[in-house]
PDB file of N, CA and C in Angstrom:
ATOM      1  N   UNK A   1      -6.861 -10.105  -9.210  1.00  0.00           N
ATOM      2  CA  UNK A   1      -7.157  -8.654  -9.536  1.00  0.00           C
ATOM      3  C   UNK A   1      -7.859  -8.856 -11.000  1.00  0.00           C
ATOM      4  N   UNK A   2      -8.992  -7.840 -11.135  1.00  0.00           N
ATOM      5  CA  UNK A   2      -9.652  -7.715 -12.330  1.00  0.00           C
ATOM      6  C   UNK A   2      -8.905  -6.623 -12.984  1.00  0.00           C
ATOM      7  N   UNK A   3      -8.908  -6.552 -14.257  1.00  0.00           N
ATOM      8  CA  UNK A   3      -8.181  -5.713 -15.259  1.00  0.00           C
ATOM      9  C   UNK A   3      -9.339  -5.183 -15.984  1.00  0.00           C
ATOM     10  N   UNK A   4      -9.432  -3.887 -16.103  1.00  0.00           N
ATOM     11  CA  UNK A   4     -10.612  -3.242 -17.203  1.00  0.00           C
ATOM     12  C   UNK A   4     -10.371  -2.280 -17.904  1.00  0.00           C
ATOM     13  N   UNK A   5     -10.424  -2.056 -19.266  1.00  0.00           N
ATOM     14  CA  UNK A   5     -10.219  -0.836 -20.077  1.00  0.00           C
ATOM     15  C   UNK A   5     -11.329   0.113 -19.534  1.00  0.00           C
ATOM     16  N   UNK A   6     -11.278   1.158 -19.846  1.00  0.00           N
ATOM     17  CA  UNK A   6     -11.964   2.296 -19.402  1.00  0.00           C
ATOM     18  C   UNK A   6     -12.900   2.512 -20.390  1.00  0.00           C
ATOM     19  N   UNK A   7     -13.404   1.757 -21.417  1.00  0.00           N
ATOM     20  CA  UNK A   7     -14.516   1.889 -22.136  1.00  0.00           C
ATOM     21  C   UNK A   7     -15.785   1.152 -21.516  1.00  0.00           C
ATOM     22  N   UNK A   8     -16.969   1.492 -22.237  1.00  0.00           N
ATOM     23  CA  UNK A   8     -18.139   0.906 -21.424  1.00  0.00           C
ATOM     24  C   UNK A   8     -17.843  -0.578 -21.570  1.00  0.00           C
ATOM     25  N   UNK A   9     -17.491  -1.279 -22.575  1.00  0.00           N
ATOM     26  CA  UNK A   9     -17.327  -2.699 -22.277  1.00  0.00           C
ATOM     27  C   UNK A   9     -16.559  -3.373 -21.499  1.00  0.00           C
ATOM     28  N   UNK A  10     -15.385  -2.849 -21.273  1.00  0.00           N
ATOM     29  CA  UNK A  10     -14.574  -2.874 -20.192  1.00  0.00           C
ATOM     30  C   UNK A  10     -15.082  -2.953 -18.792  1.00  0.00           C
ATOM     31  N   UNK A  11     -15.669  -1.672 -18.636  1.00  0.00           N
ATOM     32  CA  UNK A  11     -15.924  -1.566 -17.235  1.00  0.00           C
ATOM     33  C   UNK A  11     -17.428  -2.390 -16.857  1.00  0.00           C
ATOM     34  N   UNK A  12     -18.472  -2.542 -17.864  1.00  0.00           N
ATOM     35  CA  UNK A  12     -19.441  -3.463 -17.387  1.00  0.00           C
ATOM     36  C   UNK A  12     -18.996  -4.732 -17.209  1.00  0.00           C
ATOM     37  N   UNK A  13     -17.887  -5.343 -18.018  1.00  0.00           N
ATOM     38  CA  UNK A  13     -17.493  -6.625 -17.590  1.00  0.00           C
ATOM     39  C   UNK A  13     -16.919  -6.779 -16.435  1.00  0.00           C
ATOM     40  N   UNK A  14     -15.984  -5.797 -16.118  1.00  0.00           N
ATOM     41  CA  UNK A  14     -15.658  -5.727 -14.454  1.00  0.00           C
ATOM     42  C   UNK A  14     -16.799  -5.608 -13.485  1.00  0.00           C
ATOM     43  N   UNK A  15     -17.670  -4.762 -13.927  1.00  0.00           N
ATOM     44  CA  UNK A  15     -18.740  -4.919 -12.989  1.00  0.00           C
ATOM     45  C   UNK A  15     -19.631  -6.238 -12.829  1.00  0.00           C
ATOM     46  N   UNK A  16     -19.823  -6.830 -14.003  1.00  0.00           N
ATOM     47  CA  UNK A  16     -20.451  -8.071 -13.886  1.00  0.00           C
ATOM     48  C   UNK A  16     -19.480  -9.087 -12.973  1.00  0.00           C
ATOM     49  N   UNK A  17     -18.358  -8.913 -13.231  1.00  0.00           N
ATOM     50  CA  UNK A  17     -17.355  -9.819 -12.498  1.00  0.00           C
ATOM     51  C   UNK A  17     -17.072  -9.611 -11.239  1.00  0.00           C
ATOM     52  N   UNK A  18     -17.220  -8.316 -10.745  1.00  0.00           N
ATOM     53  CA  UNK A  18     -17.332  -7.901  -9.289  1.00  0.00           C
ATOM     54  C   UNK A  18     -18.317  -8.475  -8.871  1.00  0.00           C
ATOM     55  N   UNK A  19     -19.790  -8.390  -9.342  1.00  0.00           N
ATOM     56  CA  UNK A  19     -20.826  -8.766  -8.692  1.00  0.00           C
ATOM     57  C   UNK A  19     -21.088 -10.226  -8.591  1.00  0.00           C
ATOM     58  N   UNK A  20     -20.448 -10.983  -9.368  1.00  0.00           N
ATOM     59  CA  UNK A  20     -20.261 -12.489  -9.254  1.00  0.00           C
ATOM     60  C   UNK A  20     -19.598 -12.742  -7.948  1.00  0.00           C
ATOM     61  N   UNK A  21     -18.057 -12.072  -7.730  1.00  0.00           N
ATOM     62  CA  UNK A  21     -17.425 -12.426  -6.818  1.00  0.00           C
ATOM     63  C   UNK A  21     -18.073 -12.037  -5.432  1.00  0.00           C
ATOM     64  N   UNK A  22     -18.592 -10.566  -5.573  1.00  0.00           N
ATOM     65  CA  UNK A  22     -19.209 -10.095  -4.194  1.00  0.00           C
ATOM     66  C   UNK A  22     -20.581 -11.265  -3.809  1.00  0.00           C
ATOM     67  N   UNK A  23     -21.055 -11.838  -4.743  1.00  0.00           N
ATOM     68  CA  UNK A  23     -22.220 -12.873  -4.463  1.00  0.00           C
ATOM     69  C   UNK A  23     -22.013 -13.947  -3.658  1.00  0.00           C
ATOM     70  N   UNK A  24     -20.593 -14.211  -3.664  1.00  0.00           N
ATOM     71  CA  UNK A  24     -20.219 -15.470  -3.067  1.00  0.00           C
ATOM     72  C   UNK A  24     -20.496 -16.646  -3.842  1.00  0.00           C
ATOM     73  N   UNK A  25     -20.812 -16.547  -5.045  1.00  0.00           N
ATOM     74  CA  UNK A  25     -21.204 -17.771  -5.808  1.00  0.00           C
ATOM     75  C   UNK A  25     -19.995 -18.487  -6.039  1.00  0.00           C
ATOM     76  N   UNK A  26     -18.805 -17.896  -6.173  1.00  0.00           N
ATOM     77  CA  UNK A  26     -17.556 -18.658  -6.722  1.00  0.00           C
ATOM     78  C   UNK A  26     -16.965 -19.214  -5.675  1.00  0.00           C
ATOM     79  N   UNK A  27     -17.636 -18.994  -4.297  1.00  0.00           N
ATOM     80  CA  UNK A  27     -16.854 -19.651  -3.164  1.00  0.00           C
ATOM     81  C   UNK A  27     -15.635 -19.053  -2.678  1.00  0.00           C
ATOM     82  N   UNK A  28     -14.736 -19.811  -1.955  1.00  0.00           N
ATOM     83  CA  UNK A  28     -13.403 -19.435  -1.296  1.00  0.00           C
ATOM     84  C   UNK A  28     -12.537 -19.749  -2.185  1.00  0.00           C
ATOM     85  N   UNK A  29     -12.737 -20.174  -3.289  1.00  0.00           N
ATOM     86  CA  UNK A  29     -11.711 -20.399  -4.486  1.00  0.00           C
ATOM     87  C   UNK A  29     -10.970 -19.165  -5.092  1.00  0.00           C
ATOM     88  N   UNK A  30     -11.809 -18.189  -5.175  1.00  0.00           N
ATOM     89  CA  UNK A  30     -11.560 -16.885  -5.672  1.00  0.00           C
ATOM     90  C   UNK A  30     -11.438 -15.731  -4.876  1.00  0.00           C
ATOM     91  N   UNK A  31     -10.251 -15.057  -4.940  1.00  0.00           N
ATOM     92  CA  UNK A  31      -9.882 -13.779  -4.027  1.00  0.00           C
ATOM     93  C   UNK A  31      -9.648 -12.721  -5.206  1.00  0.00           C
ATOM     94  N   UNK A  32     -10.464 -11.816  -5.060  1.00  0.00           N
ATOM     95  CA  UNK A  32     -10.312 -10.241  -5.808  1.00  0.00           C
ATOM     96  C   UNK A  32      -9.889  -9.277  -4.671  1.00  0.00           C
ATOM     97  N   UNK A  33      -8.652  -8.773  -4.962  1.00  0.00           N
ATOM     98  CA  UNK A  33      -7.983  -8.035  -4.589  1.00  0.00           C
ATOM     99  C   UNK A  33      -8.268  -6.450  -4.959  1.00  0.00           C
ATOM    100  N   UNK A  34      -8.475  -6.317  -5.990  1.00  0.00           N
ATOM    101  CA  UNK A  34      -9.226  -5.264  -6.530  1.00  0.00           C
ATOM    102  C   UNK A  34      -9.290  -4.878  -7.973  1.00  0.00           C
ATOM    103  N   UNK A  35      -9.225  -3.809  -8.576  1.00  0.00           N
ATOM    104  CA  UNK A  35      -9.659  -3.399 -10.166  1.00  0.00           C
ATOM    105  C   UNK A  35      -8.632  -2.590 -10.553  1.00  0.00           C
ATOM    106  N   UNK A  36      -7.775  -3.058 -11.600  1.00  0.00           N
ATOM    107  CA  UNK A  36      -6.944  -2.114 -12.247  1.00  0.00           C
ATOM    108  C   UNK A  36      -7.352  -1.619 -13.469  1.00  0.00           C
ATOM    109  N   UNK A  37      -7.854  -0.107 -13.778  1.00  0.00           N
ATOM    110  CA  UNK A  37      -8.334   0.354 -14.661  1.00  0.00           C
ATOM    111  C   UNK A  37      -7.499   1.150 -15.845  1.00  0.00           C
ATOM    112  N   UNK A  38      -7.345   0.368 -16.749  1.00  0.00           N
ATOM    113  CA  UNK A  38      -6.444   0.712 -17.890  1.00  0.00           C
ATOM    114  C   UNK A  38      -7.012   1.638 -19.204  1.00  0.00           C
ATOM    115  N   UNK A  39      -6.594   2.834 -19.110  1.00  0.00           N
ATOM    116  CA  UNK A  39      -7.326   3.977 -20.264  1.00  0.00           C
ATOM    117  C   UNK A  39      -7.271   3.334 -21.372  1.00  0.00           C
ATOM    118  N   UNK A  40      -8.612   3.509 -22.185  1.00  0.00           N
ATOM    119  CA  UNK A  40      -8.690   3.049 -23.638  1.00  0.00           C
ATOM    120  C   UNK A  40      -8.352   3.940 -24.729  1.00  0.00           C
ATOM    121  N   UNK A  41      -8.040   5.528 -24.158  1.00  0.00           N
ATOM    122  CA  UNK A  41      -7.357   6.778 -24.654  1.00  0.00           C
ATOM    123  C   UNK A  41      -6.840   7.477 -24.010  1.00  0.00           C
ATOM    124  N   UNK A  42      -6.073   8.644 -24.326  1.00  0.00           N
ATOM    125  CA  UNK A  42      -5.470   9.572 -23.410  1.00  0.00           C
ATOM    126  C   UNK A  42      -6.500  10.649 -23.149  1.00  0.00           C
ATOM    127  N   UNK A  43      -6.322  11.056 -21.902  1.00  0.00           N
ATOM    128  CA  UNK A  43      -7.237  12.148 -21.232  1.00  0.00           C
ATOM    129  C   UNK A  43      -8.365  11.516 -20.283  1.00  0.00           C
ATOM    130  N   UNK A  44      -9.158  12.485 -20.250  1.00  0.00           N
ATOM    131  CA  UNK A  44     -10.160  12.662 -19.010  1.00  0.00           C
ATOM    132  C   UNK A  44     -11.323  11.663 -19.424  1.00  0.00           C
ATOM    133  N   UNK A  45     -11.661  10.732 -18.610  1.00  0.00           N
ATOM    134  CA  UNK A  45     -12.917   9.963 -19.229  1.00  0.00           C
ATOM    135  C   UNK A  45     -14.337  11.063 -19.198  1.00  0.00           C
ATOM    136  N   UNK A  46     -15.075  10.706 -20.091  1.00  0.00           N
ATOM    137  CA  UNK A  46     -16.398  11.452 -20.281  1.00  0.00           C
ATOM    138  C   UNK A  46     -17.211  10.973 -18.772  1.00  0.00           C
ATOM    139  N   UNK A  47     -17.872  12.068 -18.457  1.00  0.00           N
ATOM    140  CA  UNK A  47     -18.461  11.942 -17.083  1.00  0.00           C
ATOM    141  C   UNK A  47     -19.267  10.669 -16.867  1.00  0.00           C
ATOM    142  N   UNK A  48     -20.212  10.053 -17.989  1.00  0.00           N
ATOM    143  CA  UNK A  48     -20.932   8.841 -17.875  1.00  0.00           C
ATOM    144  C   UNK A  48     -19.887   7.522 -17.634  1.00  0.00           C
ATOM    145  N   UNK A  49     -18.620   7.402 -18.170  1.00  0.00           N
ATOM    146  CA  UNK A  49     -17.798   6.448 -17.762  1.00  0.00           C
ATOM    147  C   UNK A  49     -16.872   6.713 -16.292  1.00  0.00           C
ATOM    148  N   UNK A  50     -16.773   7.826 -16.029  1.00  0.00           N
ATOM    149  CA  UNK A  50     -16.165   8.071 -14.737  1.00  0.00           C
ATOM    150  C   UNK A  50     -17.118   7.540 -13.758  1.00  0.00           C
ATOM    151  N   UNK A  51     -18.537   7.853 -14.100  1.00  0.00           N
ATOM    152  CA  UNK A  51     -19.273   7.385 -12.928  1.00  0.00           C
ATOM    153  C   UNK A  51     -19.585   5.775 -12.940  1.00  0.00           C
ATOM    154  N   UNK A  52     -19.337   5.443 -14.205  1.00  0.00           N
ATOM    155  CA  UNK A  52     -19.361   3.760 -14.289  1.00  0.00           C
ATOM    156  C   UNK A  52     -18.148   3.195 -13.516  1.00  0.00           C
ATOM    157  N   UNK A  53     -16.956   3.902 -13.692  1.00  0.00           N
ATOM    158  CA  UNK A  53     -15.789   3.302 -13.127  1.00  0.00           C
ATOM    159  C   UNK A  53     -15.773   3.301 -11.717  1.00  0.00           C
ATOM    160  N   UNK A  54     -16.423   4.621 -11.072  1.00  0.00           N
ATOM    161  CA  UNK A  54     -16.543   4.593  -9.490  1.00  0.00           C
ATOM    162  C   UNK A  54     -17.404   3.630  -9.132  1.00  0.00           C
ATOM    163  N   UNK A  55     -18.562   3.503  -9.711  1.00  0.00           N
ATOM    164  CA  UNK A  55     -19.418   2.460  -9.270  1.00  0.00           C
ATOM    165  C   UNK A  55     -18.674   0.880  -9.276  1.00  0.00           C
ATOM    166  N   UNK A  56     -17.903   0.884 -10.207  1.00  0.00           N
ATOM    167  CA  UNK A  56     -17.064  -0.609 -10.206  1.00  0.00           C
ATOM    168  C   UNK A  56     -15.968  -0.712  -9.066  1.00  0.00           C
ATOM    169  N   UNK A  57     -15.296   0.411  -8.998  1.00  0.00           N
ATOM    170  CA  UNK A  57     -14.335   0.780  -8.003  1.00  0.00           C
ATOM    171  C   UNK A  57     -15.002   0.561  -6.565  1.00  0.00           C
ATOM    172  N   UNK A  58     -16.000   1.059  -6.358  1.00  0.00           N
ATOM    173  CA  UNK A  58     -17.029   1.086  -5.053  1.00  0.00           C
ATOM    174  C   UNK A  58     -17.109  -0.214  -4.628  1.00  0.00           C
ATOM    175  N   UNK A  59     -17.469  -1.274  -5.407  1.00  0.00           N
ATOM    176  CA  UNK A  59     -17.694  -2.724  -5.299  1.00  0.00           C
ATOM    177  C   UNK A  59     -16.527  -3.611  -5.139  1.00  0.00           C
ATOM    178  N   UNK A  60     -15.004  -3.113  -4.922  1.00  0.00           N
ATOM    179  CA  UNK A  60     -14.072  -4.078  -4.651  1.00  0.00           C
ATOM    180  C   UNK A  60     -13.207  -3.539  -3.620  1.00  0.00           C
ATOM    181  N   UNK A  61     -12.356  -4.152  -3.225  1.00  0.00           N
ATOM    182  CA  UNK A  61     -11.548  -3.863  -1.983  1.00  0.00           C
ATOM    183  C   UNK A  61     -10.626  -2.556  -2.300  1.00  0.00           C
ATOM    184  N   UNK A  62     -10.054  -2.593  -3.453  1.00  0.00           N
ATOM    185  CA  UNK A  62      -9.245  -1.626  -3.858  1.00  0.00           C
ATOM    186  C   UNK A  62      -9.460  -1.408  -5.342  1.00  0.00           C
ATOM    187  N   UNK A  63      -8.820  -0.176  -5.957  1.00  0.00           N
ATOM    188  CA  UNK A  63      -8.944   0.327  -7.218  1.00  0.00           C
ATOM    189  C   UNK A  63      -7.794   1.040  -7.639  1.00  0.00           C
ATOM    190  N   UNK A  64      -7.103   1.092  -8.739  1.00  0.00           N
ATOM    191  CA  UNK A  64      -5.939   1.381  -9.065  1.00  0.00           C
ATOM    192  C   UNK A  64      -6.135   2.071 -10.718  1.00  0.00           C
ATOM    193  N   UNK A  65      -5.735   3.029 -10.830  1.00  0.00           N
ATOM    194  CA  UNK A  65      -5.833   3.554 -12.440  1.00  0.00           C
ATOM    195  C   UNK A  65      -4.429   3.706 -12.936  1.00  0.00           C
ATOM    196  N   UNK A  66      -4.321   3.203 -13.794  1.00  0.00           N
ATOM    197  CA  UNK A  66      -2.788   2.932 -14.908  1.00  0.00           C
ATOM    198  C   UNK A  66      -2.918   4.279 -15.573  1.00  0.00           C
ATOM    199  N   UNK A  67      -1.795   4.724 -16.076  1.00  0.00           N
ATOM    200  CA  UNK A  67      -1.860   6.103 -16.719  1.00  0.00           C
ATOM    201  C   UNK A  67      -1.679   5.665 -18.288  1.00  0.00           C
ATOM    202  N   UNK A  68      -1.982   6.665 -18.744  1.00  0.00           N
ATOM    203  CA  UNK A  68      -2.070   6.234 -20.500  1.00  0.00           C
ATOM    204  C   UNK A  68      -0.518   6.297 -20.738  1.00  0.00           C
ATOM    205  N   UNK A  69      -0.153   5.329 -21.408  1.00  0.00           N
ATOM    206  CA  UNK A  69       1.348   5.201 -22.265  1.00  0.00           C
ATOM    207  C   UNK A  69       1.140   4.747 -23.631  1.00  0.00           C
ATOM    208  N   UNK A  70       1.256   5.503 -24.469  1.00  0.00           N
ATOM    209  CA  UNK A  70       1.158   5.641 -26.101  1.00  0.00           C
ATOM    210  C   UNK A  70       2.071   4.491 -26.518  1.00  0.00           C
ATOM    211  N   UNK A  71       3.425   4.269 -25.908  1.00  0.00           N
ATOM    212  CA  UNK A  71       4.304   3.182 -26.428  1.00  0.00           C
ATOM    213  C   UNK A  71       3.763   1.936 -26.192  1.00  0.00           C
ATOM    214  N   UNK A  72       2.924   1.508 -25.216  1.00  0.00           N
ATOM    215  CA  UNK A  72       2.024   0.411 -24.992  1.00  0.00           C
ATOM    216  C   UNK A  72       1.341  -0.045 -26.034  1.00  0.00           C
ATOM    217  N   UNK A  73       0.852   0.787 -27.103  1.00  0.00           N
ATOM    218  CA  UNK A  73      -0.059   0.575 -27.957  1.00  0.00           C
ATOM    219  C   UNK A  73       0.643  -0.130 -29.407  1.00  0.00           C
ATOM    220  N   UNK A  74       2.185   0.032 -29.157  1.00  0.00           N
ATOM    221  CA  UNK A  74       2.973  -0.389 -30.457  1.00  0.00           C
ATOM    222  C   UNK A  74       4.163  -1.368 -30.183  1.00  0.00           C
ATOM    223  N   UNK A  75       4.338  -1.813 -29.017  1.00  0.00           N
ATOM    224  CA  UNK A  75       5.452  -2.805 -28.599  1.00  0.00           C
ATOM    225  C   UNK A  75       5.011  -3.292 -27.373  1.00  0.00           C
ATOM    226  N   UNK A  76       5.769  -4.323 -27.185  1.00  0.00           N
ATOM    227  CA  UNK A  76       5.766  -5.087 -25.637  1.00  0.00           C
ATOM    228  C   UNK A  76       5.921  -3.962 -24.534  1.00  0.00           C
ATOM    229  N   UNK A  77       5.474  -4.240 -23.362  1.00  0.00           N
ATOM    230  CA  UNK A  77       5.806  -3.425 -22.044  1.00  0.00           C
ATOM    231  C   UNK A  77       7.172  -3.851 -21.728  1.00  0.00           C
ATOM    232  N   UNK A  78       7.902  -2.856 -21.128  1.00  0.00           N
ATOM    233  CA  UNK A  78       9.237  -3.190 -20.584  1.00  0.00           C
ATOM    234  C   UNK A  78       8.933  -2.898 -19.005  1.00  0.00           C
ATOM    235  N   UNK A  79       8.902  -3.973 -18.278  1.00  0.00           N
ATOM    236  CA  UNK A  79       9.014  -3.692 -16.933  1.00  0.00           C
ATOM    237  C   UNK A  79       9.972  -2.946 -16.104  1.00  0.00           C
ATOM    238  N   UNK A  80      11.001  -2.809 -16.734  1.00  0.00           N
ATOM    239  CA  UNK A  80      11.929  -1.815 -16.131  1.00  0.00           C
ATOM    240  C   UNK A  80      11.596  -0.276 -16.335  1.00  0.00           C
ATOM    241  N   UNK A  81      10.595   0.011 -17.058  1.00  0.00           N
ATOM    242  CA  UNK A  81      10.037   1.323 -17.182  1.00  0.00           C
ATOM    243  C   UNK A  81       8.802   1.526 -16.790  1.00  0.00           C
ATOM    244  N   UNK A  82       8.271   0.764 -15.765  1.00  0.00           N
ATOM    245  CA  UNK A  82       6.834   0.776 -15.407  1.00  0.00           C
ATOM    246  C   UNK A  82       6.683   2.562 -15.077  1.00  0.00           C
ATOM    247  N   UNK A  83       5.505   3.005 -15.269  1.00  0.00           N
ATOM    248  CA  UNK A  83       5.300   4.340 -14.813  1.00  0.00           C
ATOM    249  C   UNK A  83       5.003   4.222 -13.559  1.00  0.00           C
ATOM    250  N   UNK A  84       5.365   5.642 -12.804  1.00  0.00           N
ATOM    251  CA  UNK A  84       5.326   5.607 -11.503  1.00  0.00           C
ATOM    252  C   UNK A  84       3.770   5.124 -10.580  1.00  0.00           C
ATOM    253  N   UNK A  85       2.683   5.462 -11.406  1.00  0.00           N
ATOM    254  CA  UNK A  85       1.432   5.172 -10.968  1.00  0.00           C
ATOM    255  C   UNK A  85       1.014   3.690 -10.676  1.00  0.00           C
ATOM    256  N   UNK A  86       2.015   2.889 -11.691  1.00  0.00           N
ATOM    257  CA  UNK A  86       1.681   1.379 -11.392  1.00  0.00           C
ATOM    258  C   UNK A  86       2.430   0.921 -10.294  1.00  0.00           C
ATOM    259  N   UNK A  87       3.295   1.647  -9.485  1.00  0.00           N
ATOM    260  CA  UNK A  87       3.895   1.324  -8.340  1.00  0.00           C
ATOM    261  C   UNK A  87       3.359   0.967  -7.254  1.00  0.00           C
ATOM    262  N   UNK A  88       2.255   1.441  -7.106  1.00  0.00           N
ATOM    263  CA  UNK A  88       1.245   1.315  -5.919  1.00  0.00           C
ATOM    264  C   UNK A  88       0.566  -0.150  -6.177  1.00  0.00           C
ATOM    265  N   UNK A  89       0.394  -0.602  -7.383  1.00  0.00           N
ATOM    266  CA  UNK A  89      -0.085  -2.009  -7.509  1.00  0.00           C
ATOM    267  C   UNK A  89       0.739  -2.871  -6.958  1.00  0.00           C
ATOM    268  N   UNK A  90       1.672  -2.668  -7.298  1.00  0.00           N
ATOM    269  CA  UNK A  90       3.036  -3.828  -7.026  1.00  0.00           C
ATOM    270  C   UNK A  90       3.004  -3.754  -5.478  1.00  0.00           C
ATOM    271  N   UNK A  91       3.257  -2.714  -5.027  1.00  0.00           N
ATOM    272  CA  UNK A  91       3.679  -2.581  -3.437  1.00  0.00           C
ATOM    273  C   UNK A  91       2.296  -2.894  -2.642  1.00  0.00           C
ATOM    274  N   UNK A  92       1.014  -2.461  -3.057  1.00  0.00           N
ATOM    275  CA  UNK A  92      -0.257  -3.106  -2.297  1.00  0.00           C
ATOM    276  C   UNK A  92      -0.272  -4.332  -2.599  1.00  0.00           C
ATOM    277  N   UNK A  93       0.021  -4.940  -3.422  1.00  0.00           N
ATOM    278  CA  UNK A  93       0.055  -6.534  -3.630  1.00  0.00           C
ATOM    279  C   UNK A  93       1.174  -7.370  -3.509  1.00  0.00           C
ATOM    280  N   UNK A  94       2.188  -6.576  -2.695  1.00  0.00           N
ATOM    281  CA  UNK A  94       3.306  -7.313  -2.573  1.00  0.00           C
ATOM    282  C   UNK A  94       3.703  -7.956  -3.972  1.00  0.00           C
ATOM    283  N   UNK A  95       3.981  -7.588  -5.120  1.00  0.00           N
ATOM    284  CA  UNK A  95       4.572  -8.094  -6.046  1.00  0.00           C
ATOM    285  C   UNK A  95       5.646  -7.498  -6.689  1.00  0.00           C
ATOM    286  N   UNK A  96       6.410  -8.095  -7.427  1.00  0.00           N
ATOM    287  CA  UNK A  96       7.493  -7.740  -8.076  1.00  0.00           C
ATOM    288  C   UNK A  96       7.253  -7.671  -9.687  1.00  0.00           C
ATOM    289  N   UNK A  97       7.606  -7.106 -10.482  1.00  0.00           N
ATOM    290  CA  UNK A  97       7.440  -6.851 -11.911  1.00  0.00           C
ATOM    291  C   UNK A  97       8.384  -8.118 -12.179  1.00  0.00           C
ATOM    292  N   UNK A  98       7.880  -8.878 -13.304  1.00  0.00           N
ATOM    293  CA  UNK A  98       8.783 -10.033 -13.784  1.00  0.00           C
ATOM    294  C   UNK A  98       9.490  -9.115 -15.134  1.00  0.00           C
ATOM    295  N   UNK A  99      10.755  -9.336 -15.230  1.00  0.00           N
ATOM    296  CA  UNK A  99      11.567  -8.535 -16.425  1.00  0.00           C
ATOM    297  C   UNK A  99      11.846  -9.991 -17.255  1.00  0.00           C
ATOM    298  N   UNK A 100      11.239  -9.932 -18.568  1.00  0.00           N
ATOM    299  CA  UNK A 100      11.428 -10.928 -19.537  1.00  0.00           C
ATOM    300  C   UNK A 100      12.912 -11.170 -20.061  1.00  0.00           C
ATOM    301  N   UNK A 101      13.264 -12.504 -20.082  1.00  0.00           N
ATOM    302  CA  UNK A 101      14.630 -12.644 -20.458  1.00  0.00           C
ATOM    303  C   UNK A 101      14.737 -12.393 -22.142  1.00  0.00           C
ATOM    304  N   UNK A 102      16.016 -11.825 -22.206  1.00  0.00           N
ATOM    305  CA  UNK A 102      16.351 -11.413 -23.449  1.00  0.00           C
ATOM    306  C   UNK A 102      17.250 -12.407 -24.264  1.00  0.00           C
TER     307      UNK A 102
END
């Protein structure tokens, strides 16, 4: 899975990675299931970034968009409190969140 911030640098990096994967130059050793887009700020993306995000998503088997979670900026992620929007990522990929030991 590729993970991209939804700013220009993150989306273009994901686009380059997707192109390299799609070209077959990586061989059979790399499988990309899709891209998870992580917001770089709250609110709707500007039109130019929305368009770029759609281009990136269109070149991959699947795409997901994480919701903006303010608390992720200030502390560690608590897997027990993942937003509903991320549940699809885990179920689509048959994954289970790892809860860190305390």
